[in-house]
Protein backbone atom coordinates (compact mmCIF):
# COMPACT_ATOMS: atom_id res chain seq x y z
CA MET A 1 -9.26 13.96 -22.01
CA ALA A 2 -12.88 12.04 -21.82
CA ASP A 3 -15.73 14.25 -21.01
CA VAL A 4 -16.69 14.63 -17.41
CA SER A 5 -19.94 15.94 -16.03
CA VAL A 6 -22.55 15.84 -12.93
CA ILE A 7 -25.91 16.47 -14.25
CA GLU A 8 -29.09 15.84 -12.45
CA GLU A 9 -26.95 14.07 -9.85
CA GLU A 10 -25.32 11.58 -12.41
CA ILE A 11 -21.87 10.89 -12.26
CA THR A 12 -19.83 10.11 -15.12
CA VAL A 13 -16.28 8.86 -15.27
CA GLU A 14 -14.47 7.46 -18.24
CA SER A 15 -10.86 7.32 -17.28
CA GLU A 16 -8.63 7.49 -14.15
CA LYS A 17 -7.48 11.05 -15.03
CA ASP A 18 -11.03 12.43 -14.67
CA ILE A 19 -11.74 11.77 -11.05
CA SER A 20 -9.57 15.23 -10.48
CA GLU A 21 -12.32 17.01 -12.16
CA ILE A 22 -15.57 15.45 -10.16
CA ASN A 23 -17.05 17.63 -7.53
CA GLU A 24 -15.82 15.61 -4.45
CA ASP A 25 -18.65 16.61 -2.18
CA LYS A 26 -20.95 15.21 -4.62
CA VAL A 27 -18.90 11.72 -5.20
CA HIS A 28 -19.01 11.41 -1.15
CA GLU A 29 -22.78 11.78 -1.04
CA PHE A 30 -23.07 8.83 -3.27
CA MET A 31 -20.38 6.86 -1.54
CA LYS A 32 -21.74 7.16 2.01
CA ASP A 33 -24.87 5.50 1.19
CA LEU A 34 -23.88 2.06 0.64
CA SER A 35 -27.46 0.96 0.17
CA LYS A 36 -26.65 2.43 -3.51
CA PHE A 37 -23.76 0.05 -4.06
CA LYS A 38 -24.27 -3.38 -5.89
CA VAL A 39 -21.75 -6.06 -5.33
CA GLU A 40 -21.06 -7.67 -8.52
CA LYS A 41 -18.24 -9.82 -7.23
CA VAL A 42 -16.08 -10.66 -4.32
CA LEU A 43 -12.29 -10.55 -5.63
CA ARG A 44 -10.59 -11.65 -2.29
CA ASN A 45 -11.80 -13.06 1.30
CA ASN A 46 -8.74 -12.94 3.52
CA SER A 47 -9.49 -14.76 6.65
CA ILE A 48 -6.08 -13.91 8.08
CA GLN A 49 -5.98 -10.31 7.39
CA LYS A 50 -9.81 -10.15 7.99
CA LEU A 51 -10.35 -8.37 4.93
CA VAL A 52 -12.68 -8.65 1.74
CA ALA A 53 -12.61 -6.83 -1.25
CA VAL A 54 -15.59 -6.87 -3.50
CA VAL A 55 -16.21 -4.71 -7.02
CA GLY A 56 -19.42 -3.51 -7.85
CA THR A 57 -21.11 -0.24 -8.91
CA PHE A 58 -22.71 2.74 -7.34
CA GLU A 59 -26.32 3.85 -8.36
CA LYS A 60 -25.99 6.78 -10.81
CA CYS A 61 -22.22 6.51 -10.82
CA ASP A 62 -20.55 5.13 -14.21
CA GLY A 63 -17.83 2.47 -13.92
CA ASP A 64 -16.74 0.07 -11.39
CA ALA A 65 -16.01 0.59 -7.84
CA LEU A 66 -13.70 -1.12 -5.49
CA VAL A 67 -14.61 -1.40 -1.71
CA ILE A 68 -12.51 -2.75 0.69
CA LEU A 69 -13.46 -3.74 4.21
CA GLU A 70 -11.15 -4.48 7.11
CA LYS A 71 -11.68 -5.55 10.69
CA LYS A 72 -10.52 -2.96 13.30
CA ILE A 73 -7.72 -3.55 15.30
CA PHE A 74 -8.10 -3.83 19.20
CA PRO A 75 -7.27 -0.90 21.28
CA ASP A 76 -4.28 -1.21 23.52
CA GLU A 77 -5.46 0.59 26.33
CA ALA A 78 -7.53 -1.36 29.30
CA LEU A 79 -9.82 1.49 29.97
CA THR A 80 -10.93 1.57 26.37
CA LEU A 81 -11.37 -2.01 26.20
CA SER A 82 -13.17 -1.84 29.19
CA GLN A 83 -15.78 0.64 28.02
CA GLY A 84 -15.98 -0.31 24.69
CA PHE A 85 -16.23 -4.26 24.78
CA PHE A 86 -16.67 -5.09 28.47
CA ASN A 87 -19.87 -3.65 29.47
CA GLU A 88 -23.71 -3.99 29.81
CA ARG A 89 -24.32 -3.06 26.29
CA THR A 90 -22.19 -5.68 24.57
CA GLU A 91 -24.27 -8.78 23.23
CA VAL A 92 -22.90 -12.01 24.09
CA ASN A 93 -24.52 -15.40 23.05
CA LYS A 94 -22.94 -18.87 24.16
CA ILE A 95 -21.95 -21.22 21.27
CA TYR A 96 -20.22 -24.00 23.12
CA GLN A 97 -18.60 -25.43 26.56
CA ASN A 98 -16.29 -28.30 26.73
CA ASP A 99 -14.23 -28.62 30.12
CA ILE A 100 -12.95 -25.19 30.98
CA TYR A 101 -13.12 -23.66 27.43
CA ARG A 102 -16.42 -21.44 26.22
CA GLY A 103 -16.97 -20.03 22.78
CA TYR A 104 -19.10 -17.21 22.18
CA ASP A 105 -20.45 -14.78 19.56
CA MET A 106 -19.79 -11.28 20.99
CA PHE A 107 -21.13 -8.00 19.49
CA PRO A 108 -19.59 -4.94 20.97
CA THR A 109 -21.40 -1.67 20.82
CA ASN A 110 -21.63 0.01 17.57
CA LYS A 111 -18.71 2.20 18.01
CA PHE A 112 -16.47 -0.20 18.76
CA ASN A 113 -17.88 -2.81 16.26
CA GLY A 114 -16.59 -0.68 13.15
CA LEU A 115 -14.73 -1.63 9.96
CA ASN A 116 -11.87 0.15 8.10
CA ALA A 117 -13.53 0.87 4.60
CA THR A 118 -11.47 1.87 1.39
CA ILE A 119 -13.44 2.88 -1.62
CA ILE A 120 -11.68 3.16 -5.18
CA TYR A 121 -13.48 5.06 -7.57
CA PRO A 122 -13.39 5.05 -10.47
CA ALA A 123 -11.58 1.42 -10.31
CA THR A 124 -9.50 0.62 -13.40
CA PRO A 125 -8.89 -3.08 -14.07
CA LYS A 126 -5.28 -2.86 -12.60
CA HIS A 127 -7.13 -1.73 -9.26
CA ILE A 128 -9.31 -4.68 -9.48
CA GLU A 129 -6.86 -7.03 -10.38
CA LYS A 130 -4.63 -6.09 -7.52
CA TYR A 131 -7.28 -7.77 -5.01
CA MET A 132 -8.07 -10.95 -7.29
CA PRO A 133 -6.90 -14.37 -5.32
CA PRO A 134 -3.18 -14.14 -6.23
CA GLU A 135 -0.96 -17.16 -7.49
CA PHE A 136 2.77 -16.06 -6.57
CA TYR A 137 6.04 -16.44 -8.59
CA ILE A 138 9.42 -15.32 -7.80
CA VAL A 139 11.46 -13.27 -10.32
CA GLU A 140 15.04 -12.68 -10.04
CA GLU A 141 15.44 -9.63 -11.95
CA SER A 142 19.07 -9.10 -13.33
CA PRO A 143 19.76 -5.37 -14.94
CA GLU A 144 19.11 -6.92 -18.43
CA LEU A 145 15.64 -8.09 -16.96
CA TYR A 146 14.76 -4.66 -15.61
CA LYS A 147 15.93 -2.73 -18.69
CA ASN A 148 13.78 -4.96 -21.22
CA VAL A 149 10.68 -5.90 -19.20
CA THR A 150 10.36 -3.96 -15.95
CA LEU A 151 11.22 -0.52 -17.13
CA PRO A 152 9.03 -0.67 -20.16
CA LYS A 153 5.96 -2.28 -18.19
CA LEU A 154 6.09 0.44 -15.55
CA LEU A 155 6.57 3.31 -17.99
CA SER A 156 3.60 1.93 -19.84
CA GLN A 157 1.35 0.83 -16.92
CA GLN A 158 2.20 3.41 -14.07
CA LEU A 159 -0.99 4.67 -12.52
CA SER A 160 -1.43 8.35 -11.59
CA LEU A 161 0.82 9.97 -8.96
CA LYS A 162 -1.47 12.94 -8.47
CA TRP A 163 -2.22 12.09 -5.05
CA VAL A 164 1.52 11.97 -3.91
CA ASP A 165 1.93 15.36 -5.52
CA ASN A 166 -1.02 16.43 -3.63
CA ILE A 167 0.59 15.24 -0.40
CA LEU A 168 4.01 16.87 -1.43
CA ASN A 169 2.57 20.19 -2.14
CA GLY A 170 0.23 20.35 0.97
CA THR A 171 -3.20 20.24 -0.92
CA ALA A 172 -4.36 16.70 0.65
CA GLU A 173 -3.98 14.88 3.93
CA THR A 174 -2.12 17.69 5.76
CA ASP A 175 -3.83 16.01 8.89
CA ARG A 176 -1.96 12.90 8.19
CA VAL A 177 1.45 14.57 8.04
CA ILE A 178 3.74 14.31 10.79
CA PHE A 179 7.00 15.68 9.42
CA ASN A 180 7.82 17.77 6.30
CA ASP A 181 11.30 18.78 5.06
CA PRO A 182 10.97 21.21 2.08
CA ASP A 183 14.46 20.83 0.82
CA GLU A 184 14.29 19.77 -2.69
CA GLU A 185 17.09 17.51 -2.75
CA THR A 186 17.07 15.98 0.65
CA GLY A 187 13.55 16.61 1.87
CA PHE A 188 10.76 14.60 2.48
CA VAL A 189 7.27 14.38 3.67
CA LEU A 190 6.34 11.67 6.42
CA VAL A 191 2.80 10.71 6.32
CA LYS A 192 0.20 8.24 7.86
CA ASP A 193 0.04 5.47 5.64
CA SER A 194 -3.58 5.18 4.55
CA LYS A 195 -4.02 1.78 5.91
CA TRP A 196 -3.00 2.88 9.39
CA HIS A 197 -5.67 4.09 11.88
CA ASP A 198 -3.42 4.84 14.81
CA GLY A 199 -2.20 2.17 17.30
CA LEU A 200 1.41 1.92 17.97
CA SER A 201 1.42 -2.03 17.67
CA VAL A 202 0.60 -1.52 13.77
CA LEU A 203 2.27 1.91 13.30
CA HIS A 204 2.89 2.47 9.75
CA LEU A 205 4.07 5.75 8.12
CA ILE A 206 5.32 6.22 4.65
CA ALA A 207 8.06 8.92 3.73
CA LEU A 208 7.64 10.40 0.34
CA THR A 209 10.86 11.94 -1.35
CA ARG A 210 10.73 15.40 -2.91
CA LYS A 211 12.97 14.40 -5.31
CA PRO A 212 11.84 12.58 -8.16
CA ILE A 213 13.07 9.18 -8.14
CA MET A 214 11.28 6.13 -9.52
CA SER A 215 12.77 3.06 -7.14
CA ILE A 216 15.70 2.03 -5.56
CA ARG A 217 17.09 0.74 -8.62
CA ASP A 218 17.79 4.53 -9.69
CA LEU A 219 19.36 5.51 -6.20
CA ASN A 220 23.54 6.01 -6.45
CA LYS A 221 26.04 7.65 -4.29
CA ASP A 222 24.47 11.04 -5.19
CA HIS A 223 21.02 10.13 -2.97
CA LEU A 224 23.00 9.25 0.14
CA PRO A 225 22.33 12.48 1.92
CA LEU A 226 18.76 12.15 1.04
CA LEU A 227 18.63 8.60 2.41
CA ARG A 228 20.29 9.25 5.56
CA ASN A 229 18.00 12.34 6.19
CA ILE A 230 15.26 10.14 5.84
CA LYS A 231 16.53 7.54 8.09
CA ASP A 232 17.39 10.08 10.85
CA ALA A 233 14.99 12.88 10.58
CA GLY A 234 12.07 10.22 9.92
CA THR A 235 13.06 8.24 13.01
CA LYS A 236 13.81 11.32 15.20
CA ALA A 237 10.10 12.59 14.28
CA ILE A 238 8.41 9.04 15.18
CA VAL A 239 10.54 8.90 18.53
CA GLU A 240 8.99 12.75 19.39
CA LYS A 241 5.51 12.12 18.42
CA TYR A 242 4.81 8.47 19.42
CA ASN A 243 7.34 7.87 22.11
CA LEU A 244 8.26 4.72 20.00
CA PRO A 245 12.17 3.68 20.69
CA ALA A 246 14.44 4.06 17.78
CA ASN A 247 15.12 0.29 18.00
CA GLN A 248 11.52 -0.34 17.41
CA ILE A 249 11.10 1.07 14.28
CA ARG A 250 11.51 -0.80 11.07
CA ILE A 251 12.54 1.06 8.14
CA PHE A 252 12.51 -0.18 4.52
CA PHE A 253 11.63 0.22 0.81
CA HIS A 254 9.57 -2.14 -1.23
CA TYR A 255 10.73 -3.57 -4.30
CA GLN A 256 8.81 -4.10 -6.65
CA PRO A 257 6.94 -1.02 -5.18
CA SER A 258 3.25 -0.67 -5.38
CA TYR A 259 3.96 2.73 -7.04
CA TYR A 260 6.97 4.17 -8.61
CA HIS A 261 7.99 7.27 -6.69
CA LEU A 262 10.66 6.51 -4.09
CA HIS A 263 9.07 5.95 -0.80
CA VAL A 264 10.39 4.47 2.43
CA HIS A 265 8.25 2.45 5.09
CA PHE A 266 8.41 3.19 8.69
CA THR A 267 6.59 0.84 10.90
CA SER A 268 6.72 -0.82 14.27
CA THR A 269 8.49 -4.00 14.56
CA THR A 270 5.47 -5.63 15.98
CA LEU A 271 3.63 -5.14 12.71
CA GLU A 272 3.63 -8.20 10.77
CA ASN A 273 2.19 -8.21 6.94
CA ALA A 274 3.08 -9.49 3.41
CA GLY A 275 4.98 -6.29 3.12
CA THR A 276 7.82 -7.15 5.34
CA ASN A 277 8.53 -10.27 3.71
CA CYS A 278 12.31 -11.05 2.62
CA GLU A 279 11.14 -10.98 -1.17
CA ARG A 280 9.84 -7.67 -1.01
CA ALA A 281 11.46 -5.38 1.98
CA HIS A 282 14.89 -3.78 1.75
CA MET A 283 15.97 -2.22 4.99
CA ILE A 284 16.93 1.27 4.43
CA THR A 285 20.12 0.61 6.48
CA SER A 286 21.53 -2.16 3.98
CA VAL A 287 20.65 0.01 1.07
CA ILE A 288 22.72 2.68 2.37
CA ASN A 289 25.39 0.27 3.12
CA ASN A 290 25.47 -1.38 -0.30
CA ILE A 291 25.70 2.27 -2.01
CA GLU A 292 28.74 3.04 0.05
CA LEU A 293 30.34 0.14 -1.01
CA MET A 294 29.44 0.34 -4.59
CA SER A 295 27.92 3.48 -5.95
CA ASP A 296 26.19 1.84 -8.78
CA TYR A 297 25.04 -1.47 -6.51
CA TYR A 298 21.48 -0.76 -7.33
CA GLN A 299 22.16 -0.58 -11.50
CA LYS A 300 24.23 -4.12 -11.22
CA ALA A 301 22.43 -6.02 -8.80
CA THR A 302 20.17 -8.96 -9.34
CA LEU A 303 16.94 -8.21 -7.19
CA VAL A 304 14.81 -10.65 -6.22
CA PHE A 305 11.01 -10.27 -5.67
CA ARG A 306 7.34 -11.81 -5.82
CA VAL A 307 4.55 -11.25 -8.50
CA CYS A 308 1.22 -12.85 -8.76
CA LYS A 309 0.35 -14.66 -11.97
CA LEU A 310 -1.76 -12.07 -13.65
CA SER A 311 -0.77 -9.13 -15.74
CA MET A 312 2.35 -8.29 -13.51
CA TYR A 313 3.94 -11.69 -14.42
CA GLU A 314 3.01 -12.26 -18.11
CA PRO A 315 5.79 -9.80 -19.63
CA TYR A 316 8.49 -12.05 -17.34
CA GLU A 317 6.90 -15.00 -18.77
CA GLU A 318 7.23 -13.86 -22.37
CA TYR A 319 10.70 -12.83 -22.20
CA LEU A 320 11.78 -15.78 -20.45
CA LYS A 321 10.40 -17.97 -23.45
CA LYS A 322 12.35 -15.49 -25.84
CA ASN A 323 15.26 -16.20 -24.20
CA ASP A 324 15.15 -19.91 -23.38
CA ASP A 325 17.99 -20.97 -25.93
CA GLY A 326 20.71 -19.51 -24.28
CA PRO A 327 23.54 -20.85 -21.74
CA PRO A 328 21.82 -21.28 -18.50
CA ALA A 329 24.33 -19.07 -16.94
CA LYS A 330 22.95 -16.17 -19.44
CA LYS A 331 19.57 -16.83 -19.11
CA PRO A 332 17.47 -14.48 -17.15
CA ARG A 333 16.07 -16.74 -14.26
CA LEU A 334 12.30 -16.81 -13.17
CA ALA A 335 12.24 -18.80 -10.33
CA ILE A 336 8.86 -20.78 -10.55
């Protein structure tokens, strides 16, 4: 492991694994002073999501940092809107008027004019690549393609899952956990997603399984008690805590997932984002039903997903070229 030191208020990090050895209070002192951050490149500016991702460096910190800024959602409560936006402290500048339509620049008070900020440090090339402008392709992943491309790729490129272990063993994000089942076979931890900052209209929680399973590719009939428990107990916990009706809760897996420790997404049906698209989301009810019909369904099925044309797509493209001389029915298909 590379040497890690905090000497004379300088932080040196040479690999992702070293971050656990850094004094977090010292890191936070550097990170909260954004005047020390130098923007090197804007990776993505998404006008729909109201999100910008930039890569740069913090003064006295070696290595790249990734900063993602996102507009906060509006509150649902009328009183909060009145107090935060419609008051004498809100600045309003007129832009135009056309018949009954008027446009304004509006600047609410500081408390309600904030941003959600995520800082990843040290940011690996894979972290940075994730936020670069994407060009997407559809992959139809057969069991053969999973065995020969996906599995070797994920085993060689998987990021550290220490943060998952920290949630499961109760050493991190304990204030964000809303349900905890300690059973080693059917248990899970239901925790607020890092991107969710409350608001039922965009509710997003994650169920992390205690049993080490990589993805839905590894599920079979032995896991049905686990899946049913996640669905039933997770739904009950959300209904009781947030008073959200069960038929307004969307429960699904991602394939491919962003990290390979089996987890289930719980969102409100009003939340719409790329993670709910048909080429990525697999509803938990459908997954359970498929396994009930065929125990090894996910070991035999062709799963369709979307990848961007960066390092994620390259192994599939290379495999396609190597296997391009067989009968069409036998060829692995990458729909471009």
